[in-house]
Structures are given as C-alpha cells and as structure tokens.
C-alpha cells in the first residue's frame, strides 16, 4: 500500500498542470501519466486512465479528476477495459521485473533470460525489453551489480579475499579479478583494509564560495566538496578511506586543482575532468542524467526519474543526488523543487544559489552575444555604430 501511494505521489508531481495538457496526454495515450489523473466521459458514465485504448470521446464530454475515488464520488464508474481502479500495465510490468530481480538475487548461479521470463510470465524478448526499460540495465548487468555489492560487503566482513569472492557468487577467482578494478577501484585486499596502500591525492584550495577540497585517485577526481571549515572537509574525506595513503603535498596536483577552481568560479564551462565516481548502477544513471542538464537550466527530481525510465523512483533519485561525491562536475545543484524553489544542497543552499546565478548570468550573456552576431550576419557585415543606425532610422521614417 505504501509503495503504491509513493508511486501515485511521484506521478502527481509530474502531472500536467492544465486540462489542455491533460487532454493532450489522453490523445497520446501517454502511459507515463497513468496514476497522475483520470478522465471521465459524461455520455458513457465511465472514467479511464490516460492510456486507455478505447476510442476517444469528444472533448466537450470529458472531465478530469485527480484520481479514481474522486471520479466515483462524482458518479462515474471505472472502465472495464483499462481498469483504472487496479494496477496499470506499467505497474504490472514493474512488479514482474521486481520479482525477477529478487530471483536473480536469490540464485547462486546465473539465470538465463528465458528462465527468468518464464518465471514472471513474459516472452524472453518482452522480458528483456521491459527489464532494461525499468532498471536501466540488462539482467546480466543487474547481476554484476549485485555481485559488486556483495563483494564489498563480504570484503568488509569476511576473513579473506578468497572467501569473499565465492560468497559474492563468482564461479572462480580469475573471473573476479578480471572485473575487480572497475568494481572496487583498487585491489580487493586494499579495499578490505579500508583503502590501505591506495594512493589518493588531495588539496584544500580557496574559491569565492569558501574552502574547496579536491581529491583524486589514479583514475580521476573522486571528491569535490565545499564548506566553511577546511578541517571538517579533510575529516569527512579521510572517513571515506580511513587507511588510504592520502598525499597532500603533490606538486603535480596543482594543475588539476586549478581546473576544478575554475569550474566552480564558472560552472557553465564544459567539464573536462577525469572522474572516478563509484556507486550503484542506479546512482551512476542518475549522475549521468545530472551531467546531461545544460548549464543555465534546471530539472526536478521527478524529471530526472522520468529521464532514466523510472518515474516512480523520485525518492531514490533524491538520495542518489545527495550521495554525489563530486560537486559542480556532476551538477546536482541544477536540481530544484517542483514549485521552482531551490531545495537543499549538500554543500549549502547559499552556494547552490550562487552557482545557479552564475550559470544564468553566463547563459544570458551568451544569448545577447548570439543575438548581436545574428544581427551582424543579417546586415551583411559589422553592425553600424549607434549614431549611424539612428540617423538611418530617422531618414527611413521621413521618406515617403
């Protein structure tokens, strides 16, 4: 019951704001709007989902309601074809894929797509398509993600690497070591020891938004954080890998730090930094969606959830944004509330507002420059001085 309520709330968060927009969703049979509202037809006395396959009624005979109970209170009954008072087709697909995910997690050996599809009552083709649409990855990649998570947990709890390998479901140690670098970012022994012997460079710099900590492994930038207290930033950074070899006086690190400072000062510039961001498959998809938001623009948690193909995962998207370890480079500051208000920010709302203001100013400046360039091109050359343009304008006004 709670999950269904959360799904409905998430969909209402992205529901069309006007009846005209709702009618367009009905004409398009937009399944993404199922649960966001229902429409009722006066001539038949029934109410339907936006995606109902029945023939469309005339617009003047249609009314819109927030949900089924409201429509029923107004005297309408649920459509027998789309069953708006029960789970939608998308929800049934989501439930089937969730069951498949549980089967994958419970099995000690890999399950074929055909076997998983049969278990949830789908054809292999449909199952594979819906699985990727809902989770964002293939069943094989999903199992690999589970193995990575189990491996991290086992390395932290077991007495040895070999035992952790088999507890995570790898058939042989060689198969694990082929993937260990991408999975853990370091050797499994170093991960088990809290990052022991892992070399991570870091530096505290100053910018107009306060103190700035930049950390990088051999693979790329793994931390960009901001705050008022440099010591607090260092302590939080150390807590991530308490036994890692933290190098704070590397003279070759200055160039990378300067690039990060320049990005903070002008967040609208393209990001040209090697990143080392480790997270779950879901977090990676959210972070990738954040990096796709153009500078000067914003999005909501619900919009990001919709872009990654999981419109009901609004809360999980918010959690992934909060777990973002690389400020500005992965621009979680471009996420705002549905009502347009600036929501919380891991590194302070004031900093978020400043970053957004800088991006808006840069976007406005670019728009003005492009408009000026367009006028020059239309005029066939360099724009004339203002005095000359005014003189010509006056002459044109006085001519017959």
Protein backbone atom coordinates (compact mmCIF):
# COMPACT_ATOMS: atom_id res chain seq x y z
CA UNK A 1 0.00 0.00 0.00
CA UNK A 2 2.81 2.41 0.88
CA UNK A 3 4.67 1.69 -2.36
CA UNK A 4 1.54 2.31 -4.42
CA UNK A 5 0.98 5.61 -2.61
CA UNK A 6 4.56 6.67 -3.28
CA UNK A 7 4.16 5.84 -6.98
CA UNK A 8 0.96 7.88 -7.22
CA UNK A 9 2.56 10.83 -5.41
CA UNK A 10 5.56 10.71 -7.73
CA UNK A 11 3.33 10.73 -10.81
CA UNK A 12 1.22 13.58 -9.49
CA UNK A 13 4.46 15.51 -9.10
CA UNK A 14 4.88 15.46 -12.91
CA UNK A 15 1.17 15.60 -13.81
CA UNK A 16 0.02 18.11 -16.45
CA UNK A 17 -0.98 21.39 -14.84
CA UNK A 18 -3.90 22.25 -17.15
CA UNK A 19 -6.85 20.46 -18.68
CA UNK A 20 -5.49 21.16 -22.16
CA UNK A 21 -2.24 19.41 -21.24
CA UNK A 22 -4.21 16.50 -19.74
CA UNK A 23 -6.27 16.20 -22.93
CA UNK A 24 -3.08 16.05 -25.00
CA UNK A 25 -1.86 13.23 -22.75
CA UNK A 26 -5.16 11.39 -23.33
CA UNK A 27 -4.93 11.83 -27.10
CA UNK A 28 -1.36 10.49 -26.98
CA UNK A 29 -2.44 7.65 -24.65
CA UNK A 30 0.56 8.59 -22.50
CA UNK A 31 1.09 5.67 -20.12
CA UNK A 32 3.58 7.77 -18.14
CA UNK A 33 0.60 9.80 -16.88
CA UNK A 34 -1.31 6.76 -15.57
CA UNK A 35 -1.83 7.40 -11.88
CA UNK A 36 -1.36 11.15 -12.28
CA UNK A 37 -5.05 11.73 -13.16
CA UNK A 38 -8.10 10.06 -14.71
CA UNK A 39 -10.62 11.32 -17.23
CA UNK A 40 -14.36 10.66 -17.25
CA UNK A 41 -16.83 10.64 -20.15
CA UNK A 42 -20.28 12.07 -19.47
CA UNK A 43 -22.01 10.12 -22.25
CA UNK A 44 -20.85 6.69 -21.02
CA UNK A 45 -20.57 7.38 -17.30
CA UNK A 46 -17.12 5.75 -17.01
CA UNK A 47 -13.68 7.05 -16.11
CA UNK A 48 -10.40 5.84 -17.62
CA UNK A 49 -6.65 6.01 -17.45
CA UNK A 50 -4.88 8.43 -19.83
CA UNK A 51 -3.54 5.38 -21.70
CA UNK A 52 -6.91 3.68 -22.16
CA UNK A 53 -7.02 2.07 -25.65
CA UNK A 54 -10.74 2.77 -26.07
CA UNK A 55 -11.92 5.14 -28.77
CA UNK A 56 -11.57 8.77 -27.72
CA UNK A 57 -14.67 10.68 -26.69
CA UNK A 58 -15.46 14.20 -27.81
CA UNK A 59 -13.56 16.81 -25.83
CA UNK A 60 -16.72 18.57 -24.62
CA UNK A 61 -17.88 15.32 -22.97
CA UNK A 62 -14.68 14.79 -20.99
CA UNK A 63 -13.97 15.76 -17.39
CA UNK A 64 -10.71 15.33 -15.48
CA UNK A 65 -10.23 14.13 -11.90
CA UNK A 66 -7.20 13.73 -9.69
CA UNK A 67 -7.91 10.05 -9.02
CA UNK A 68 -10.47 7.26 -9.23
CA UNK A 69 -12.21 7.83 -5.87
CA UNK A 70 -12.87 11.45 -6.81
CA UNK A 71 -14.36 10.38 -10.13
CA UNK A 72 -16.53 7.76 -8.42
CA UNK A 73 -17.73 10.35 -5.92
CA UNK A 74 -18.91 12.38 -8.92
CA UNK A 75 -21.00 9.42 -10.14
CA UNK A 76 -18.65 7.72 -12.62
CA UNK A 77 -17.67 4.04 -12.65
CA UNK A 78 -14.30 2.51 -13.65
CA UNK A 79 -13.73 1.48 -17.25
CA UNK A 80 -13.71 -2.33 -17.67
CA UNK A 81 -11.15 -2.13 -20.45
CA UNK A 82 -8.29 -0.22 -18.78
CA UNK A 83 -9.34 -0.96 -15.14
CA UNK A 84 -8.24 2.38 -13.67
CA UNK A 85 -9.11 1.16 -10.15
CA UNK A 86 -6.42 -1.56 -10.34
CA UNK A 87 -2.73 -1.72 -11.15
CA UNK A 88 -1.79 -0.32 -14.54
CA UNK A 89 0.03 -2.29 -17.21
CA UNK A 90 3.22 -0.38 -16.36
CA UNK A 91 2.80 -1.25 -12.69
CA UNK A 92 2.24 -4.92 -13.54
CA UNK A 93 5.41 -4.86 -15.62
CA UNK A 94 7.29 -3.20 -12.76
CA UNK A 95 6.04 -5.84 -10.33
CA UNK A 96 7.15 -8.62 -12.68
CA UNK A 97 10.62 -7.12 -13.09
CA UNK A 98 10.90 -6.64 -9.33
CA UNK A 99 10.13 -10.34 -8.91
CA UNK A 100 12.80 -11.19 -11.48
CA UNK A 101 15.32 -9.07 -9.60
CA UNK A 102 14.54 -10.99 -6.42
CA UNK A 103 15.03 -14.27 -8.29
CA UNK A 104 18.41 -13.08 -9.57
CA UNK A 105 19.46 -12.06 -6.07
CA UNK A 106 18.37 -15.36 -4.54
CA UNK A 107 20.04 -17.60 -7.12
CA UNK A 108 23.61 -18.77 -6.55
CA UNK A 109 24.09 -19.38 -10.28
CA UNK A 110 23.24 -17.13 -13.25
CA UNK A 111 19.70 -17.49 -14.57
CA UNK A 112 19.05 -17.31 -18.31
CA UNK A 113 16.74 -14.69 -19.76
CA UNK A 114 14.40 -17.44 -20.94
CA UNK A 115 14.12 -18.90 -17.46
CA UNK A 116 13.52 -15.51 -15.84
CA UNK A 117 10.95 -14.59 -18.48
CA UNK A 118 9.04 -17.83 -17.92
CA UNK A 119 9.07 -17.28 -14.16
CA UNK A 120 7.33 -13.91 -14.49
CA UNK A 121 5.02 -14.86 -17.37
CA UNK A 122 6.62 -12.96 -20.25
CA UNK A 123 8.24 -13.83 -23.53
CA UNK A 124 12.07 -13.57 -23.47
CA UNK A 125 12.01 -10.61 -25.88
CA UNK A 126 9.40 -8.67 -23.90
CA UNK A 127 11.09 -9.51 -20.61
CA UNK A 128 14.49 -8.26 -21.77
CA UNK A 129 12.95 -5.08 -23.16
CA UNK A 130 10.93 -4.29 -20.03
CA UNK A 131 13.80 -5.23 -17.71
CA UNK A 132 16.15 -2.75 -19.37
CA UNK A 133 13.47 -0.05 -19.60
CA UNK A 134 12.64 -0.30 -15.90
CA UNK A 135 16.08 -0.91 -14.35
CA UNK A 136 18.19 0.83 -16.97
CA UNK A 137 20.50 -2.20 -17.35
CA UNK A 138 20.32 -5.73 -18.73
CA UNK A 139 19.72 -8.75 -16.45
CA UNK A 140 23.41 -9.65 -16.80
CA UNK A 141 24.49 -6.16 -15.73
CA UNK A 142 22.00 -6.26 -12.86
CA UNK A 143 23.53 -9.46 -11.55
CA UNK A 144 27.01 -7.96 -11.93
CA UNK A 145 25.92 -5.01 -9.82
CA UNK A 146 24.60 -7.35 -7.14
CA UNK A 147 27.89 -9.23 -7.17
CA UNK A 148 29.81 -5.98 -6.75
CA UNK A 149 27.65 -5.01 -3.77
CA UNK A 150 28.00 -8.45 -2.18
CA UNK A 151 31.74 -8.32 -2.77
CA UNK A 152 32.08 -5.02 -0.94
CA UNK A 153 30.02 -6.32 1.96
CA UNK A 154 31.91 -9.62 2.10
CA UNK A 155 35.32 -7.96 1.98
CA UNK A 156 34.36 -5.87 4.96
CA UNK A 157 33.04 -8.80 6.99
CA UNK A 158 34.99 -11.91 5.98
CA UNK A 159 38.41 -13.07 6.97
CA UNK A 160 39.86 -13.25 3.48
CA UNK A 161 39.56 -12.27 -0.14
CA UNK A 162 39.04 -15.82 -1.44
CA UNK A 163 36.06 -16.43 0.82
CA UNK A 164 34.54 -13.10 -0.21
CA UNK A 165 34.91 -13.98 -3.90
CA UNK A 166 32.84 -17.14 -3.57
CA UNK A 167 30.35 -15.56 -1.16
CA UNK A 168 29.66 -12.93 -3.80
CA UNK A 169 28.79 -15.65 -6.33
CA UNK A 170 31.85 -15.68 -8.58
CA UNK A 171 32.49 -19.12 -10.01
CA UNK A 172 36.26 -18.60 -10.00
CA UNK A 173 38.77 -16.11 -8.68
CA UNK A 174 40.02 -15.35 -12.20
CA UNK A 175 36.59 -14.08 -13.27
CA UNK A 176 36.51 -11.77 -10.28
CA UNK A 177 39.98 -10.33 -10.77
CA UNK A 178 39.09 -9.51 -14.39
CA UNK A 179 36.48 -7.10 -13.06
CA UNK A 180 37.93 -6.06 -9.68
CA UNK A 181 39.40 -2.73 -10.84
CA UNK A 182 36.09 -1.47 -12.25
CA UNK A 183 34.17 -2.94 -9.34
CA UNK A 184 36.25 -1.65 -6.44
CA UNK A 185 38.60 0.92 -7.93
CA UNK A 186 41.57 -0.80 -6.25
CA UNK A 187 42.80 -4.24 -5.34
CA UNK A 188 40.38 -6.29 -3.22
CA UNK A 189 42.95 -6.56 -0.42
CA UNK A 190 43.32 -2.79 -0.29
CA UNK A 191 39.53 -2.35 -0.27
CA UNK A 192 39.15 -4.85 2.59
CA UNK A 193 41.72 -2.88 4.61
CA UNK A 194 39.84 0.37 4.21
CA UNK A 195 41.86 1.58 1.26
CA UNK A 196 45.24 0.66 2.67
CA UNK A 197 48.06 1.40 0.21
CA UNK A 198 45.62 3.14 -2.16
CA UNK A 199 47.19 6.45 -3.17
CA UNK A 200 44.75 9.36 -3.17
CA UNK A 201 45.97 12.89 -3.68
CA UNK A 202 44.06 15.80 -2.19
CA UNK A 203 44.35 19.51 -1.73
CA UNK A 204 42.48 22.31 0.04
CA UNK A 205 42.04 25.41 -2.09
CA UNK A 206 40.17 28.67 -1.73
CA UNK A 207 37.46 29.97 -4.02
CA UNK A 208 34.79 32.64 -3.84
CA UNK A 209 32.40 30.09 -2.31
CA UNK A 210 34.73 29.22 0.58
CA UNK A 211 37.02 26.27 1.17
CA UNK A 212 37.29 23.69 -1.58
CA UNK A 213 38.63 20.15 -1.24
CA UNK A 214 39.70 18.26 -4.34
CA UNK A 215 40.66 14.58 -4.15
CA UNK A 216 41.75 12.26 -6.94
CA UNK A 217 42.77 8.65 -7.31
CA UNK A 218 44.92 7.37 -10.13
CA UNK A 219 41.74 7.03 -12.18
CA UNK A 220 40.37 10.56 -11.76
CA UNK A 221 38.71 13.07 -9.46
CA UNK A 222 36.87 11.24 -6.69
CA UNK A 223 35.92 14.17 -4.45
CA UNK A 224 34.99 17.82 -4.83
CA UNK A 225 33.48 19.29 -1.70
CA UNK A 226 32.88 22.80 -0.39
CA UNK A 227 32.44 24.28 3.05
CA UNK A 228 33.43 26.93 5.55
CA UNK A 229 35.79 24.77 7.64
CA UNK A 230 38.74 23.22 5.78
CA UNK A 231 39.45 20.85 8.67
CA UNK A 232 35.91 19.50 8.54
CA UNK A 233 36.28 18.84 4.81
CA UNK A 234 39.51 16.92 5.41
CA UNK A 235 38.00 14.82 8.21
CA UNK A 236 35.00 13.87 6.04
CA UNK A 237 37.35 12.98 3.19
CA UNK A 238 39.51 10.80 5.45
CA UNK A 239 36.43 8.95 6.71
CA UNK A 240 35.75 7.61 3.22
CA UNK A 241 39.02 5.61 3.18
CA UNK A 242 40.48 5.73 6.67
CA UNK A 243 43.54 3.62 5.79
CA UNK A 244 44.34 5.02 2.36
CA UNK A 245 47.61 6.77 1.62
CA UNK A 246 46.48 10.39 1.41
CA UNK A 247 49.02 12.58 -0.32
CA UNK A 248 48.54 16.28 0.39
CA UNK A 249 51.76 17.80 -0.94
CA UNK A 250 51.99 16.55 -4.52
CA UNK A 251 53.35 19.43 -6.64
CA UNK A 252 51.95 17.86 -9.82
CA UNK A 253 48.42 18.07 -8.43
CA UNK A 254 48.17 21.86 -8.70
CA UNK A 255 47.11 21.89 -12.33
CA UNK A 256 44.09 19.66 -11.72
CA UNK A 257 43.08 21.68 -8.65
CA UNK A 258 43.25 24.89 -10.68
CA UNK A 259 40.88 23.39 -13.26
CA UNK A 260 38.41 22.49 -10.51
CA UNK A 261 38.58 26.02 -9.02
CA UNK A 262 37.97 27.48 -12.49
CA UNK A 263 34.93 25.21 -12.88
CA UNK A 264 33.47 26.38 -9.55
CA UNK A 265 34.04 30.02 -10.47
CA UNK A 266 32.44 29.49 -13.88
CA UNK A 267 30.20 26.39 -13.64
CA UNK A 268 28.79 26.95 -17.13
CA UNK A 269 32.07 25.89 -18.77
CA UNK A 270 32.21 22.35 -20.17
CA UNK A 271 33.51 19.79 -17.70
CA UNK A 272 36.88 18.46 -18.81
CA UNK A 273 37.90 16.42 -15.81
CA UNK A 274 38.63 12.69 -15.44
CA UNK A 275 36.12 11.40 -12.89
CA UNK A 276 36.36 8.38 -10.59
CA UNK A 277 32.84 8.06 -9.21
CA UNK A 278 31.93 4.67 -7.79
CA UNK A 279 28.34 3.88 -7.00
CA UNK A 280 25.49 1.52 -7.71
CA UNK A 281 24.14 1.11 -11.24
CA UNK A 282 21.17 3.29 -10.28
CA UNK A 283 23.39 6.04 -8.85
CA UNK A 284 25.54 6.02 -11.98
CA UNK A 285 22.45 6.51 -14.15
CA UNK A 286 21.26 9.42 -12.01
CA UNK A 287 24.69 11.06 -12.03
CA UNK A 288 24.87 10.67 -15.81
CA UNK A 289 21.44 12.30 -16.13
CA UNK A 290 22.61 15.19 -13.95
CA UNK A 291 25.61 15.77 -16.20
CA UNK A 292 23.23 15.92 -19.19
CA UNK A 293 21.42 19.00 -17.80
CA UNK A 294 22.70 22.01 -19.78
CA UNK A 295 24.30 24.85 -17.87
CA UNK A 296 21.76 27.57 -17.11
CA UNK A 297 18.89 25.09 -16.95
CA UNK A 298 17.36 23.14 -14.08
CA UNK A 299 15.36 19.98 -13.51
CA UNK A 300 13.35 18.36 -10.73
CA UNK A 301 13.85 15.00 -9.06
CA UNK A 302 10.72 13.79 -10.84
CA UNK A 303 12.07 14.86 -14.23
CA UNK A 304 15.35 13.02 -13.62
CA UNK A 305 13.41 9.92 -12.54
CA UNK A 306 11.43 10.11 -15.77
CA UNK A 307 14.57 10.61 -17.89
CA UNK A 308 16.18 7.45 -16.54
CA UNK A 309 12.99 5.49 -17.19
CA UNK A 310 11.86 5.11 -13.57
CA UNK A 311 9.21 7.79 -12.90
CA UNK A 312 8.28 6.26 -9.55
CA UNK A 313 11.85 6.43 -8.17
CA UNK A 314 11.73 10.11 -7.16
CA UNK A 315 12.91 9.46 -3.61
CA UNK A 316 15.73 7.18 -4.78
CA UNK A 317 16.83 9.87 -7.25
CA UNK A 318 16.97 12.39 -4.41
CA UNK A 319 19.12 10.01 -2.37
CA UNK A 320 21.47 9.47 -5.33
CA UNK A 321 21.82 13.24 -5.74
CA UNK A 322 22.64 13.54 -2.04
CA UNK A 323 25.32 10.85 -2.40
CA UNK A 324 27.06 12.69 -5.25
CA UNK A 325 30.73 12.99 -4.15
CA UNK A 326 31.81 15.39 -6.89
CA UNK A 327 30.21 18.83 -6.60
CA UNK A 328 29.73 21.01 -9.70
CA UNK A 329 31.37 18.49 -12.06
CA UNK A 330 28.27 16.37 -11.52
CA UNK A 331 25.83 19.28 -11.22
CA UNK A 332 23.32 18.24 -8.58
CA UNK A 333 22.98 21.99 -7.89
CA UNK A 334 20.79 22.16 -11.02
CA UNK A 335 18.02 20.19 -9.24
CA UNK A 336 15.16 22.29 -7.88
CA UNK A 337 11.79 21.55 -6.34
CA UNK A 338 8.70 21.10 -8.48
CA UNK A 339 7.38 24.50 -7.37
CA UNK A 340 10.61 26.14 -8.61
CA UNK A 341 12.06 26.73 -5.16
CA UNK A 342 15.73 25.95 -4.54
CA UNK A 343 15.81 22.83 -2.38
CA UNK A 344 18.51 21.63 -0.02
CA UNK A 345 22.09 21.18 -1.12
CA UNK A 346 24.78 19.05 0.44
CA UNK A 347 27.24 21.94 0.43
CA UNK A 348 24.82 24.69 1.44
CA UNK A 349 21.81 26.35 -0.20
CA UNK A 350 23.66 29.69 -0.49
CA UNK A 351 26.34 28.03 -2.61
CA UNK A 352 23.69 26.39 -4.75
CA UNK A 353 22.02 29.73 -5.36
CA UNK A 354 25.37 31.29 -6.26
CA UNK A 355 26.18 28.53 -8.76
CA UNK A 356 22.78 28.82 -10.41
CA UNK A 357 23.08 32.62 -10.57
CA UNK A 358 26.47 32.35 -12.26
CA UNK A 359 25.12 29.92 -14.82
CA UNK A 360 22.09 32.09 -15.56
CA UNK A 361 24.31 35.15 -16.00
CA UNK A 362 26.58 33.24 -18.39
CA UNK A 363 23.59 31.94 -20.38
CA UNK A 364 22.10 35.45 -20.66
CA UNK A 365 25.45 36.86 -21.78
CA UNK A 366 25.79 34.17 -24.42
CA UNK A 367 22.24 34.82 -25.66
CA UNK A 368 22.98 38.54 -26.04
CA UNK A 369 26.21 37.82 -27.91
CA UNK A 370 24.47 35.36 -30.24
CA UNK A 371 21.69 37.85 -30.91
CA UNK A 372 24.24 40.54 -31.73
CA UNK A 373 26.10 38.15 -34.02
CA UNK A 374 22.83 37.30 -35.75
CA UNK A 375 22.08 40.97 -36.40
CA UNK A 376 25.55 41.47 -37.86
CA UNK A 377 25.10 38.47 -40.13
CA UNK A 378 21.68 39.64 -41.27
CA UNK A 379 23.13 43.08 -42.03
CA UNK A 380 25.86 41.62 -44.19
CA UNK A 381 28.73 42.85 -42.08
CA UNK A 382 29.73 44.56 -38.89
CA UNK A 383 26.91 46.39 -37.18
CA UNK A 384 26.95 50.14 -37.74
CA UNK A 385 27.60 52.49 -34.81
CA UNK A 386 24.53 53.56 -32.87
CA UNK A 387 24.65 57.15 -34.18
CA UNK A 388 24.66 55.95 -37.78
CA UNK A 389 21.81 53.48 -37.13
CA UNK A 390 19.71 56.24 -35.55
CA UNK A 391 20.44 58.58 -38.48
CA UNK A 392 19.40 55.93 -40.98
CA UNK A 393 16.30 55.14 -38.95
CA UNK A 394 15.35 58.83 -38.99
CA UNK A 395 15.88 59.06 -42.72
CA UNK A 396 13.75 56.00 -43.30
CA UNK A 397 10.95 57.41 -41.18
CA UNK A 398 10.84 60.67 -43.13
CA UNK A 399 10.93 59.12 -46.59
CA UNK A 400 7.61 58.60 -48.44
